[in-house]
Amino acid sequence: MTASSATNHAPSAAGGQGCCSLSTGPLEIASAERLAALLKALSDPTRLRLLSHIASQGCETVCACDLTKELGISQPTVSHHTKKLVDAGLLTREQRGRWAYYSVIPAAFAELQAFLDLT
C-alpha cells in the first residue's frame, strides 16, 4: 500500500467522522510521568476490579473487609493492590481501628479523562 492509498482510507471531516487528536495536546515530561504512573496502576485486572468496586460506591468509603468477600480475593491481595492504587494517587486510605477504608480521588479520574479525551 502506498502512502497516497493509505490516506484514501483515513476518515475525513467531510465524512462526518473527523480526525482525532488529544484535546490536551502533547505532554510535558512531568505530565507524561504522572499519567504513566496512573495507567500503570490500572494495568492489572485485580486492581481494576478493586477500583471499580470502590468507585461504584460514589463518595462513600469502602472497608477493606468488604472487598475480600465481594470480590472473592484474600486480605493480603486486597492490601497489596490497594496500596498500589493509593501510591498512584487513585485512592485515599483511612485507618479506622483494625480496618482500612478506601475512597476514590475524583481529581485523578478527571486527569485521566482529560488525557483520554479524543476530539
PDB file of N, CA and C in Angstrom:
ATOM      1  N   MET A   1       0.842  -1.163   0.000  1.00  0.00           N
ATOM      2  CA  MET A   1       0.000   0.000   0.000  1.00  0.00           C
ATOM      3  C   MET A   1       0.893   1.233   0.000  1.00  0.00           C
ATOM      4  N   THR A   2       0.589   2.176  -0.847  1.00  0.00           N
ATOM      5  CA  THR A   2       1.374   3.402  -0.922  1.00  0.00           C
ATOM      6  C   THR A   2       0.833   4.423   0.059  1.00  0.00           C
ATOM      7  N   ALA A   3       1.629   5.444   0.296  1.00  0.00           N
ATOM      8  CA  ALA A   3       1.218   6.493   1.231  1.00  0.00           C
ATOM      9  C   ALA A   3      -0.051   7.173   0.752  1.00  0.00           C
ATOM     10  N   SER A   4      -0.182   7.362  -0.572  1.00  0.00           N
ATOM     11  CA  SER A   4      -1.368   8.037  -1.078  1.00  0.00           C
ATOM     12  C   SER A   4      -2.603   7.164  -0.952  1.00  0.00           C
ATOM     13  N   SER A   5      -2.465   5.841  -1.106  1.00  0.00           N
ATOM     14  CA  SER A   5      -3.632   4.980  -0.963  1.00  0.00           C
ATOM     15  C   SER A   5      -4.030   4.839   0.504  1.00  0.00           C
ATOM     16  N   ALA A   6      -3.066   4.937   1.424  1.00  0.00           N
ATOM     17  CA  ALA A   6      -3.375   4.862   2.850  1.00  0.00           C
ATOM     18  C   ALA A   6      -4.201   6.071   3.272  1.00  0.00           C
ATOM     19  N   THR A   7      -3.915   7.226   2.692  1.00  0.00           N
ATOM     20  CA  THR A   7      -4.666   8.408   3.066  1.00  0.00           C
ATOM     21  C   THR A   7      -6.088   8.349   2.543  1.00  0.00           C
ATOM     22  N   ASN A   8      -6.333   7.587   1.491  1.00  0.00           N
ATOM     23  CA  ASN A   8      -7.675   7.463   0.957  1.00  0.00           C
ATOM     24  C   ASN A   8      -8.600   6.722   1.926  1.00  0.00           C
ATOM     25  N   HIS A   9      -8.049   5.915   2.834  1.00  0.00           N
ATOM     26  CA  HIS A   9      -8.860   5.130   3.760  1.00  0.00           C
ATOM     27  C   HIS A   9      -9.041   5.820   5.104  1.00  0.00           C
ATOM     28  N   ALA A  10      -8.384   6.929   5.311  1.00  0.00           N
ATOM     29  CA  ALA A  10      -8.496   7.635   6.583  1.00  0.00           C
ATOM     30  C   ALA A  10      -9.824   8.372   6.653  1.00  0.00           C
ATOM     31  N   PRO A  11     -10.467   8.409   7.827  1.00  0.00           N
ATOM     32  CA  PRO A  11     -11.706   9.173   7.964  1.00  0.00           C
ATOM     33  C   PRO A  11     -11.447  10.640   7.708  1.00  0.00           C
ATOM     34  N   SER A  12     -12.401  11.286   7.132  1.00  0.00           N
ATOM     35  CA  SER A  12     -12.248  12.712   6.845  1.00  0.00           C
ATOM     36  C   SER A  12     -13.336  13.507   7.530  1.00  0.00           C
ATOM     37  N   ALA A  13     -13.060  14.779   7.711  1.00  0.00           N
ATOM     38  CA  ALA A  13     -14.048  15.660   8.314  1.00  0.00           C
ATOM     39  C   ALA A  13     -15.296  15.727   7.447  1.00  0.00           C
ATOM     40  N   ALA A  14     -15.123  15.629   6.149  1.00  0.00           N
ATOM     41  CA  ALA A  14     -16.260  15.688   5.237  1.00  0.00           C
ATOM     42  C   ALA A  14     -17.146  14.460   5.407  1.00  0.00           C
ATOM     43  N   GLY A  15     -16.558  13.331   5.822  1.00  0.00           N
ATOM     44  CA  GLY A  15     -17.320  12.107   6.019  1.00  0.00           C
ATOM     45  C   GLY A  15     -18.050  12.077   7.347  1.00  0.00           C
ATOM     46  N   GLY A  16     -17.903  13.098   8.155  1.00  0.00           N
ATOM     47  CA  GLY A  16     -18.621  13.172   9.406  1.00  0.00           C
ATOM     48  C   GLY A  16     -17.868  12.596  10.596  1.00  0.00           C
ATOM     49  N   GLN A  17     -16.762  11.909  10.343  1.00  0.00           N
ATOM     50  CA  GLN A  17     -16.046  11.303  11.456  1.00  0.00           C
ATOM     51  C   GLN A  17     -14.943  12.210  11.982  1.00  0.00           C
ATOM     52  N   GLY A  18     -14.289  12.946  11.134  1.00  0.00           N
ATOM     53  CA  GLY A  18     -13.242  13.869  11.555  1.00  0.00           C
ATOM     54  C   GLY A  18     -12.000  13.166  12.049  1.00  0.00           C
ATOM     55  N   CYS A  19     -10.971  13.929  12.243  1.00  0.00           N
ATOM     56  CA  CYS A  19      -9.712  13.402  12.766  1.00  0.00           C
ATOM     57  C   CYS A  19      -9.736  13.438  14.284  1.00  0.00           C
ATOM     58  N   CYS A  20      -8.971  12.568  14.863  1.00  0.00           N
ATOM     59  CA  CYS A  20      -8.878  12.525  16.325  1.00  0.00           C
ATOM     60  C   CYS A  20      -7.550  13.121  16.767  1.00  0.00           C
ATOM     61  N   SER A  21      -7.586  13.855  17.857  1.00  0.00           N
ATOM     62  CA  SER A  21      -6.354  14.338  18.462  1.00  0.00           C
ATOM     63  C   SER A  21      -6.602  14.475  19.957  1.00  0.00           C
ATOM     64  N   LEU A  22      -5.530  14.441  20.715  1.00  0.00           N
ATOM     65  CA  LEU A  22      -5.662  14.644  22.151  1.00  0.00           C
ATOM     66  C   LEU A  22      -6.094  16.065  22.411  1.00  0.00           C
ATOM     67  N   SER A  23      -7.122  16.223  23.201  1.00  0.00           N
ATOM     68  CA  SER A  23      -7.619  17.571  23.476  1.00  0.00           C
ATOM     69  C   SER A  23      -6.631  18.369  24.322  1.00  0.00           C
ATOM     70  N   THR A  24      -5.749  17.668  25.056  1.00  0.00           N
ATOM     71  CA  THR A  24      -4.786  18.370  25.904  1.00  0.00           C
ATOM     72  C   THR A  24      -3.493  18.702  25.176  1.00  0.00           C
ATOM     73  N   GLY A  25      -3.282  18.179  23.974  1.00  0.00           N
ATOM     74  CA  GLY A  25      -2.057  18.435  23.232  1.00  0.00           C
ATOM     75  C   GLY A  25      -0.923  17.543  23.694  1.00  0.00           C
ATOM     76  N   PRO A  26       0.266  17.760  23.157  1.00  0.00           N
ATOM     77  CA  PRO A  26       1.425  16.944  23.539  1.00  0.00           C
ATOM     78  C   PRO A  26       1.736  17.099  25.026  1.00  0.00           C
ATOM     79  N   LEU A  27       2.219  16.025  25.629  1.00  0.00           N
ATOM     80  CA  LEU A  27       2.507  16.021  27.066  1.00  0.00           C
ATOM     81  C   LEU A  27       3.896  16.527  27.387  1.00  0.00           C
ATOM     82  N   GLU A  28       3.992  17.244  28.466  1.00  0.00           N
ATOM     83  CA  GLU A  28       5.284  17.618  29.033  1.00  0.00           C
ATOM     84  C   GLU A  28       5.805  16.405  29.805  1.00  0.00           C
ATOM     85  N   ILE A  29       7.088  16.381  30.138  1.00  0.00           N
ATOM     86  CA  ILE A  29       7.704  15.238  30.812  1.00  0.00           C
ATOM     87  C   ILE A  29       6.995  14.912  32.124  1.00  0.00           C
ATOM     88  N   ALA A  30       6.748  15.909  32.956  1.00  0.00           N
ATOM     89  CA  ALA A  30       6.127  15.665  34.264  1.00  0.00           C
ATOM     90  C   ALA A  30       4.721  15.086  34.111  1.00  0.00           C
ATOM     91  N   SER A  31       3.969  15.597  33.165  1.00  0.00           N
ATOM     92  CA  SER A  31       2.617  15.083  32.924  1.00  0.00           C
ATOM     93  C   SER A  31       2.660  13.649  32.406  1.00  0.00           C
ATOM     94  N   ALA A  32       3.597  13.372  31.528  1.00  0.00           N
ATOM     95  CA  ALA A  32       3.728  12.017  30.986  1.00  0.00           C
ATOM     96  C   ALA A  32       4.081  11.030  32.095  1.00  0.00           C
ATOM     97  N   GLU A  33       4.971  11.434  33.002  1.00  0.00           N
ATOM     98  CA  GLU A  33       5.350  10.551  34.108  1.00  0.00           C
ATOM     99  C   GLU A  33       4.169  10.314  35.046  1.00  0.00           C
ATOM    100  N   ARG A  34       3.407  11.353  35.331  1.00  0.00           N
ATOM    101  CA  ARG A  34       2.237  11.232  36.210  1.00  0.00           C
ATOM    102  C   ARG A  34       1.192  10.316  35.582  1.00  0.00           C
ATOM    103  N   LEU A  35       0.875  10.540  34.313  1.00  0.00           N
ATOM    104  CA  LEU A  35      -0.126   9.714  33.642  1.00  0.00           C
ATOM    105  C   LEU A  35       0.347   8.273  33.494  1.00  0.00           C
ATOM    106  N   ALA A  36       1.631   8.072  33.245  1.00  0.00           N
ATOM    107  CA  ALA A  36       2.169   6.711  33.145  1.00  0.00           C
ATOM    108  C   ALA A  36       1.995   5.969  34.465  1.00  0.00           C
ATOM    109  N   ALA A  37       2.203   6.659  35.590  1.00  0.00           N
ATOM    110  CA  ALA A  37       2.020   6.032  36.899  1.00  0.00           C
ATOM    111  C   ALA A  37       0.557   5.651  37.128  1.00  0.00           C
ATOM    112  N   LEU A  38      -0.356   6.528  36.734  1.00  0.00           N
ATOM    113  CA  LEU A  38      -1.783   6.219  36.865  1.00  0.00           C
ATOM    114  C   LEU A  38      -2.168   5.030  35.997  1.00  0.00           C
ATOM    115  N   LEU A  39      -1.734   5.064  34.755  1.00  0.00           N
ATOM    116  CA  LEU A  39      -2.084   3.981  33.829  1.00  0.00           C
ATOM    117  C   LEU A  39      -1.433   2.662  34.221  1.00  0.00           C
ATOM    118  N   LYS A  40      -0.210   2.717  34.750  1.00  0.00           N
ATOM    119  CA  LYS A  40       0.455   1.502  35.211  1.00  0.00           C
ATOM    120  C   LYS A  40      -0.329   0.874  36.359  1.00  0.00           C
ATOM    121  N   ALA A  41      -0.804   1.699  37.270  1.00  0.00           N
ATOM    122  CA  ALA A  41      -1.595   1.187  38.385  1.00  0.00           C
ATOM    123  C   ALA A  41      -2.879   0.532  37.898  1.00  0.00           C
ATOM    124  N   LEU A  42      -3.405   1.005  36.792  1.00  0.00           N
ATOM    125  CA  LEU A  42      -4.647   0.460  36.243  1.00  0.00           C
ATOM    126  C   LEU A  42      -4.431  -0.750  35.329  1.00  0.00           C
ATOM    127  N   SER A  43      -3.176  -1.127  35.123  1.00  0.00           N
ATOM    128  CA  SER A  43      -2.885  -2.179  34.143  1.00  0.00           C
ATOM    129  C   SER A  43      -3.055  -3.593  34.682  1.00  0.00           C
ATOM    130  N   ASP A  44      -3.564  -3.738  35.882  1.00  0.00           N
ATOM    131  CA  ASP A  44      -3.754  -5.047  36.483  1.00  0.00           C
ATOM    132  C   ASP A  44      -5.254  -5.329  36.637  1.00  0.00           C
ATOM    133  N   PRO A  45      -5.732  -6.490  36.201  1.00  0.00           N
ATOM    134  CA  PRO A  45      -7.173  -6.787  36.286  1.00  0.00           C
ATOM    135  C   PRO A  45      -7.717  -6.761  37.720  1.00  0.00           C
ATOM    136  N   THR A  46      -6.946  -7.229  38.683  1.00  0.00           N
ATOM    137  CA  THR A  46      -7.410  -7.211  40.077  1.00  0.00           C
ATOM    138  C   THR A  46      -7.552  -5.781  40.571  1.00  0.00           C
ATOM    139  N   ARG A  47      -6.600  -4.930  40.219  1.00  0.00           N
ATOM    140  CA  ARG A  47      -6.701  -3.528  40.630  1.00  0.00           C
ATOM    141  C   ARG A  47      -7.895  -2.846  39.950  1.00  0.00           C
ATOM    142  N   LEU A  48      -8.145  -3.177  38.702  1.00  0.00           N
ATOM    143  CA  LEU A  48      -9.312  -2.601  38.025  1.00  0.00           C
ATOM    144  C   LEU A  48     -10.599  -3.036  38.713  1.00  0.00           C
ATOM    145  N   ARG A  49     -10.679  -4.295  39.115  1.00  0.00           N
ATOM    146  CA  ARG A  49     -11.876  -4.774  39.819  1.00  0.00           C
ATOM    147  C   ARG A  49     -12.038  -4.062  41.156  1.00  0.00           C
ATOM    148  N   LEU A  50     -10.941  -3.952  41.921  1.00  0.00           N
ATOM    149  CA  LEU A  50     -10.995  -3.245  43.199  1.00  0.00           C
ATOM    150  C   LEU A  50     -11.427  -1.795  43.007  1.00  0.00           C
ATOM    151  N   LEU A  51     -10.797  -1.121  42.065  1.00  0.00           N
ATOM    152  CA  LEU A  51     -11.099   0.285  41.822  1.00  0.00           C
ATOM    153  C   LEU A  51     -12.540   0.470  41.367  1.00  0.00           C
ATOM    154  N   SER A  52     -13.020  -0.394  40.491  1.00  0.00           N
ATOM    155  CA  SER A  52     -14.399  -0.258  40.014  1.00  0.00           C
ATOM    156  C   SER A  52     -15.395  -0.501  41.143  1.00  0.00           C
ATOM    157  N   HIS A  53     -15.072  -1.430  42.034  1.00  0.00           N
ATOM    158  CA  HIS A  53     -15.958  -1.684  43.171  1.00  0.00           C
ATOM    159  C   HIS A  53     -15.995  -0.471  44.107  1.00  0.00           C
ATOM    160  N   ILE A  54     -14.848   0.088  44.398  1.00  0.00           N
ATOM    161  CA  ILE A  54     -14.789   1.258  45.284  1.00  0.00           C
ATOM    162  C   ILE A  54     -15.454   2.465  44.612  1.00  0.00           C
ATOM    163  N   ALA A  55     -15.162   2.679  43.337  1.00  0.00           N
ATOM    164  CA  ALA A  55     -15.735   3.815  42.614  1.00  0.00           C
ATOM    165  C   ALA A  55     -17.254   3.694  42.481  1.00  0.00           C
ATOM    166  N   SER A  56     -17.774   2.477  42.426  1.00  0.00           N
ATOM    167  CA  SER A  56     -19.220   2.289  42.286  1.00  0.00           C
ATOM    168  C   SER A  56     -19.976   2.727  43.537  1.00  0.00           C
ATOM    169  N   GLN A  57     -19.260   2.930  44.636  1.00  0.00           N
ATOM    170  CA  GLN A  57     -19.885   3.395  45.879  1.00  0.00           C
ATOM    171  C   GLN A  57     -19.990   4.916  45.932  1.00  0.00           C
ATOM    172  N   GLY A  58     -19.554   5.577  44.860  1.00  0.00           N
ATOM    173  CA  GLY A  58     -19.625   7.036  44.807  1.00  0.00           C
ATOM    174  C   GLY A  58     -18.630   7.658  45.758  1.00  0.00           C
ATOM    175  N   CYS A  59     -19.090   8.582  46.582  1.00  0.00           N
ATOM    176  CA  CYS A  59     -18.209   9.283  47.518  1.00  0.00           C
ATOM    177  C   CYS A  59     -18.077   8.551  48.844  1.00  0.00           C
ATOM    178  N   GLU A  60     -18.736   7.435  48.989  1.00  0.00           N
ATOM    179  CA  GLU A  60     -18.670   6.665  50.232  1.00  0.00           C
ATOM    180  C   GLU A  60     -17.342   5.939  50.345  1.00  0.00           C
ATOM    181  N   THR A  61     -16.866   5.762  51.579  1.00  0.00           N
ATOM    182  CA  THR A  61     -15.671   4.970  51.798  1.00  0.00           C
ATOM    183  C   THR A  61     -16.057   3.495  51.840  1.00  0.00           C
ATOM    184  N   VAL A  62     -15.106   2.652  51.484  1.00  0.00           N
ATOM    185  CA  VAL A  62     -15.340   1.210  51.447  1.00  0.00           C
ATOM    186  C   VAL A  62     -14.312   0.535  52.338  1.00  0.00           C
ATOM    187  N   CYS A  63     -14.795  -0.338  53.208  1.00  0.00           N
ATOM    188  CA  CYS A  63     -13.917  -1.068  54.117  1.00  0.00           C
ATOM    189  C   CYS A  63     -13.216  -2.199  53.367  1.00  0.00           C
ATOM    190  N   ALA A  64     -11.932  -2.367  53.663  1.00  0.00           N
ATOM    191  CA  ALA A  64     -11.182  -3.466  53.050  1.00  0.00           C
ATOM    192  C   ALA A  64     -11.824  -4.800  53.373  1.00  0.00           C
ATOM    193  N   CYS A  65     -12.470  -4.895  54.534  1.00  0.00           N
ATOM    194  CA  CYS A  65     -13.125  -6.148  54.919  1.00  0.00           C
ATOM    195  C   CYS A  65     -14.249  -6.513  53.955  1.00  0.00           C
ATOM    196  N   ASP A  66     -14.890  -5.526  53.355  1.00  0.00           N
ATOM    197  CA  ASP A  66     -15.956  -5.791  52.390  1.00  0.00           C
ATOM    198  C   ASP A  66     -15.412  -6.191  51.025  1.00  0.00           C
ATOM    199  N   LEU A  67     -14.207  -5.773  50.722  1.00  0.00           N
ATOM    200  CA  LEU A  67     -13.635  -6.072  49.409  1.00  0.00           C
ATOM    201  C   LEU A  67     -13.271  -7.545  49.277  1.00  0.00           C
ATOM    202  N   THR A  68     -12.869  -8.161  50.364  1.00  0.00           N
ATOM    203  CA  THR A  68     -12.440  -9.561  50.277  1.00  0.00           C
ATOM    204  C   THR A  68     -13.594 -10.463  49.887  1.00  0.00           C
ATOM    205  N   LYS A  69     -14.720 -10.336  50.575  1.00  0.00           N
ATOM    206  CA  LYS A  69     -15.835 -11.238  50.254  1.00  0.00           C
ATOM    207  C   LYS A  69     -16.550 -10.841  48.972  1.00  0.00           C
ATOM    208  N   GLU A  70     -16.677  -9.536  48.717  1.00  0.00           N
ATOM    209  CA  GLU A  70     -17.341  -9.077  47.490  1.00  0.00           C
ATOM    210  C   GLU A  70     -16.626  -9.551  46.229  1.00  0.00           C
ATOM    211  N   LEU A  71     -15.293  -9.498  46.262  1.00  0.00           N
ATOM    212  CA  LEU A  71     -14.507  -9.821  45.079  1.00  0.00           C
ATOM    213  C   LEU A  71     -13.895 -11.221  45.118  1.00  0.00           C
ATOM    214  N   GLY A  72     -14.037 -11.895  46.250  1.00  0.00           N
ATOM    215  CA  GLY A  72     -13.516 -13.254  46.358  1.00  0.00           C
ATOM    216  C   GLY A  72     -11.998 -13.332  46.323  1.00  0.00           C
ATOM    217  N   ILE A  73     -11.332 -12.338  46.931  1.00  0.00           N
ATOM    218  CA  ILE A  73      -9.869 -12.337  46.985  1.00  0.00           C
ATOM    219  C   ILE A  73      -9.423 -12.215  48.442  1.00  0.00           C
ATOM    220  N   SER A  74      -8.216 -12.652  48.717  1.00  0.00           N
ATOM    221  CA  SER A  74      -7.724 -12.671  50.096  1.00  0.00           C
ATOM    222  C   SER A  74      -7.354 -11.273  50.583  1.00  0.00           C
ATOM    223  N   GLN A  75      -7.289 -11.123  51.906  1.00  0.00           N
ATOM    224  CA  GLN A  75      -6.918  -9.847  52.503  1.00  0.00           C
ATOM    225  C   GLN A  75      -5.526  -9.384  52.075  1.00  0.00           C
ATOM    226  N   PRO A  76      -4.506 -10.281  52.046  1.00  0.00           N
ATOM    227  CA  PRO A  76      -3.191  -9.821  51.576  1.00  0.00           C
ATOM    228  C   PRO A  76      -3.217  -9.314  50.130  1.00  0.00           C
ATOM    229  N   THR A  77      -4.037  -9.933  49.299  1.00  0.00           N
ATOM    230  CA  THR A  77      -4.162  -9.491  47.902  1.00  0.00           C
ATOM    231  C   THR A  77      -4.815  -8.120  47.840  1.00  0.00           C
ATOM    232  N   VAL A  78      -5.865  -7.923  48.640  1.00  0.00           N
ATOM    233  CA  VAL A  78      -6.521  -6.611  48.698  1.00  0.00           C
ATOM    234  C   VAL A  78      -5.523  -5.552  49.146  1.00  0.00           C
ATOM    235  N   SER A  79      -4.773  -5.850  50.219  1.00  0.00           N
ATOM    236  CA  SER A  79      -3.801  -4.883  50.749  1.00  0.00           C
ATOM    237  C   SER A  79      -2.732  -4.527  49.716  1.00  0.00           C
ATOM    238  N   HIS A  80      -2.223  -5.536  49.040  1.00  0.00           N
ATOM    239  CA  HIS A  80      -1.178  -5.304  48.037  1.00  0.00           C
ATOM    240  C   HIS A  80      -1.673  -4.377  46.924  1.00  0.00           C
ATOM    241  N   HIS A  81      -2.831  -4.705  46.379  1.00  0.00           N
ATOM    242  CA  HIS A  81      -3.324  -3.953  45.220  1.00  0.00           C
ATOM    243  C   HIS A  81      -3.871  -2.579  45.598  1.00  0.00           C
ATOM    244  N   THR A  82      -4.513  -2.465  46.745  1.00  0.00           N
ATOM    245  CA  THR A  82      -4.988  -1.135  47.138  1.00  0.00           C
ATOM    246  C   THR A  82      -3.819  -0.214  47.461  1.00  0.00           C
ATOM    247  N   LYS A  83      -2.720  -0.766  47.985  1.00  0.00           N
ATOM    248  CA  LYS A  83      -1.527   0.049  48.226  1.00  0.00           C
ATOM    249  C   LYS A  83      -1.011   0.640  46.918  1.00  0.00           C
ATOM    250  N   LYS A  84      -0.997  -0.152  45.863  1.00  0.00           N
ATOM    251  CA  LYS A  84      -0.569   0.348  44.543  1.00  0.00           C
ATOM    252  C   LYS A  84      -1.487   1.480  44.067  1.00  0.00           C
ATOM    253  N   LEU A  85      -2.789   1.320  44.287  1.00  0.00           N
ATOM    254  CA  LEU A  85      -3.750   2.341  43.859  1.00  0.00           C
ATOM    255  C   LEU A  85      -3.624   3.612  44.700  1.00  0.00           C
ATOM    256  N   VAL A  86      -3.355   3.455  45.987  1.00  0.00           N
ATOM    257  CA  VAL A  86      -3.134   4.619  46.858  1.00  0.00           C
ATOM    258  C   VAL A  86      -1.848   5.329  46.458  1.00  0.00           C
ATOM    259  N   ASP A  87      -0.772   4.559  46.259  1.00  0.00           N
ATOM    260  CA  ASP A  87       0.521   5.147  45.886  1.00  0.00           C
ATOM    261  C   ASP A  87       0.444   5.897  44.559  1.00  0.00           C
ATOM    262  N   ALA A  88      -0.417   5.425  43.651  1.00  0.00           N
ATOM    263  CA  ALA A  88      -0.576   6.085  42.350  1.00  0.00           C
ATOM    264  C   ALA A  88      -1.446   7.338  42.449  1.00  0.00           C
ATOM    265  N   GLY A  89      -2.126   7.519  43.575  1.00  0.00           N
ATOM    266  CA  GLY A  89      -2.972   8.695  43.735  1.00  0.00           C
ATOM    267  C   GLY A  89      -4.385   8.511  43.236  1.00  0.00           C
ATOM    268  N   LEU A  90      -4.826   7.262  43.095  1.00  0.00           N
ATOM    269  CA  LEU A  90      -6.187   6.988  42.637  1.00  0.00           C
ATOM    270  C   LEU A  90      -7.165   6.797  43.798  1.00  0.00           C
ATOM    271  N   LEU A  91      -6.657   6.365  44.955  1.00  0.00           N
ATOM    272  CA  LEU A  91      -7.478   6.133  46.144  1.00  0.00           C
ATOM    273  C   LEU A  91      -6.874   6.834  47.352  1.00  0.00           C
ATOM    274  N   THR A  92      -7.730   7.139  48.313  1.00  0.00           N
ATOM    275  CA  THR A  92      -7.262   7.544  49.631  1.00  0.00           C
ATOM    276  C   THR A  92      -7.485   6.384  50.577  1.00  0.00           C
ATOM    277  N   ARG A  93      -6.672   6.336  51.633  1.00  0.00           N
ATOM    278  CA  ARG A  93      -6.776   5.272  52.635  1.00  0.00           C
ATOM    279  C   ARG A  93      -6.888   5.918  53.997  1.00  0.00           C
ATOM    280  N   GLU A  94      -7.874   5.469  54.766  1.00  0.00           N
ATOM    281  CA  GLU A  94      -8.073   5.970  56.127  1.00  0.00           C
ATOM    282  C   GLU A  94      -8.134   4.774  57.065  1.00  0.00           C
ATOM    283  N   GLN A  95      -7.276   4.754  58.052  1.00  0.00           N
ATOM    284  CA  GLN A  95      -7.252   3.662  59.025  1.00  0.00           C
ATOM    285  C   GLN A  95      -8.273   3.940  60.123  1.00  0.00           C
ATOM    286  N   ARG A  96      -9.169   2.993  60.347  1.00  0.00           N
ATOM    287  CA  ARG A  96     -10.161   3.087  61.424  1.00  0.00           C
ATOM    288  C   ARG A  96     -10.074   1.818  62.250  1.00  0.00           C
ATOM    289  N   GLY A  97      -9.339   1.902  63.329  1.00  0.00           N
ATOM    290  CA  GLY A  97      -9.144   0.710  64.150  1.00  0.00           C
ATOM    291  C   GLY A  97      -8.370  -0.341  63.380  1.00  0.00           C
ATOM    292  N   ARG A  98      -8.955  -1.513  63.283  1.00  0.00           N
ATOM    293  CA  ARG A  98      -8.300  -2.641  62.619  1.00  0.00           C
ATOM    294  C   ARG A  98      -8.355  -2.568  61.092  1.00  0.00           C
ATOM    295  N   TRP A  99      -9.339  -1.872  60.561  1.00  0.00           N
ATOM    296  CA  TRP A  99      -9.581  -1.900  59.116  1.00  0.00           C
ATOM    297  C   TRP A  99      -9.203  -0.598  58.424  1.00  0.00           C
ATOM    298  N   ALA A 100      -8.834  -0.745  57.156  1.00  0.00           N
ATOM    299  CA  ALA A 100      -8.580   0.404  56.293  1.00  0.00           C
ATOM    300  C   ALA A 100      -9.830   0.662  55.457  1.00  0.00           C
ATOM    301  N   TYR A 101     -10.109   1.941  55.228  1.00  0.00           N
ATOM    302  CA  TYR A 101     -11.235   2.347  54.395  1.00  0.00           C
ATOM    303  C   TYR A 101     -10.697   3.138  53.210  1.00  0.00           C
ATOM    304  N   TYR A 102     -11.261   2.882  52.052  1.00  0.00           N
ATOM    305  CA  TYR A 102     -10.765   3.483  50.809  1.00  0.00           C
ATOM    306  C   TYR A 102     -11.857   4.295  50.130  1.00  0.00           C
ATOM    307  N   SER A 103     -11.444   5.352  49.464  1.00  0.00           N
ATOM    308  CA  SER A 103     -12.348   6.126  48.612  1.00  0.00           C
ATOM    309  C   SER A 103     -11.551   6.646  47.418  1.00  0.00           C
ATOM    310  N   VAL A 104     -12.273   6.963  46.357  1.00  0.00           N
ATOM    311  CA  VAL A 104     -11.622   7.418  45.129  1.00  0.00           C
ATOM    312  C   VAL A 104     -11.204   8.878  45.252  1.00  0.00           C
ATOM    313  N   ILE A 105     -10.236   9.261  44.456  1.00  0.00           N
ATOM    314  CA  ILE A 105      -9.809  10.654  44.352  1.00  0.00           C
ATOM    315  C   ILE A 105     -10.323  11.164  43.000  1.00  0.00           C
ATOM    316  N   PRO A 106     -11.423  11.914  43.018  1.00  0.00           N
ATOM    317  CA  PRO A 106     -12.036  12.354  41.755  1.00  0.00           C
ATOM    318  C   PRO A 106     -11.086  13.102  40.824  1.00  0.00           C
ATOM    319  N   ALA A 107     -10.153  13.880  41.360  1.00  0.00           N
ATOM    320  CA  ALA A 107      -9.235  14.651  40.516  1.00  0.00           C
ATOM    321  C   ALA A 107      -8.365  13.731  39.650  1.00  0.00           C
ATOM    322  N   ALA A 108      -8.009  12.566  40.172  1.00  0.00           N
ATOM    323  CA  ALA A 108      -7.199  11.625  39.395  1.00  0.00           C
ATOM    324  C   ALA A 108      -7.990  11.091  38.206  1.00  0.00           C
ATOM    325  N   PHE A 109      -9.267  10.827  38.419  1.00  0.00           N
ATOM    326  CA  PHE A 109     -10.114  10.351  37.327  1.00  0.00           C
ATOM    327  C   PHE A 109     -10.340  11.450  36.298  1.00  0.00           C
ATOM    328  N   ALA A 110     -10.470  12.680  36.760  1.00  0.00           N
ATOM    329  CA  ALA A 110     -10.620  13.817  35.844  1.00  0.00           C
ATOM    330  C   ALA A 110      -9.368  13.982  34.991  1.00  0.00           C
ATOM    331  N   GLU A 111      -8.213  13.769  35.618  1.00  0.00           N
ATOM    332  CA  GLU A 111      -6.937  13.860  34.891  1.00  0.00           C
ATOM    333  C   GLU A 111      -6.855  12.798  33.792  1.00  0.00           C
ATOM    334  N   LEU A 112      -7.230  11.582  34.131  1.00  0.00           N
ATOM    335  CA  LEU A 112      -7.244  10.506  33.135  1.00  0.00           C
ATOM    336  C   LEU A 112      -8.249  10.774  32.031  1.00  0.00           C
ATOM    337  N   GLN A 113      -9.425  11.233  32.413  1.00  0.00           N
ATOM    338  CA  GLN A 113     -10.470  11.529  31.433  1.00  0.00           C
ATOM    339  C   GLN A 113     -10.016  12.613  30.459  1.00  0.00           C
ATOM    340  N   ALA A 114      -9.385  13.659  30.978  1.00  0.00           N
ATOM    341  CA  ALA A 114      -8.915  14.746  30.122  1.00  0.00           C
ATOM    342  C   ALA A 114      -7.864  14.250  29.139  1.00  0.00           C
ATOM    343  N   PHE A 115      -6.973  13.386  29.612  1.00  0.00           N
ATOM    344  CA  PHE A 115      -5.929  12.850  28.739  1.00  0.00           C
ATOM    345  C   PHE A 115      -6.517  11.954  27.659  1.00  0.00           C
ATOM    346  N   LEU A 116      -7.482  11.122  28.017  1.00  0.00           N
ATOM    347  CA  LEU A 116      -8.054  10.164  27.080  1.00  0.00           C
ATOM    348  C   LEU A 116      -9.110  10.761  26.154  1.00  0.00           C
ATOM    349  N   ASP A 117      -9.462  12.018  26.371  1.00  0.00           N
ATOM    350  CA  ASP A 117     -10.484  12.670  25.568  1.00  0.00           C
ATOM    351  C   ASP A 117      -9.949  12.979  24.170  1.00  0.00           C
ATOM    352  N   LEU A 118     -10.437  12.224  23.219  1.00  0.00           N
ATOM    353  CA  LEU A 118     -10.064  12.470  21.822  1.00  0.00           C
ATOM    354  C   LEU A 118     -11.179  13.290  21.170  1.00  0.00           C
ATOM    355  N   THR A 119     -10.790  14.402  20.581  1.00  0.00           N
ATOM    356  CA  THR A 119     -11.801  15.236  19.921  1.00  0.00           C
ATOM    357  C   THR A 119     -11.485  15.401  18.467  1.00  0.00           C
TER     358      THR A 119
END
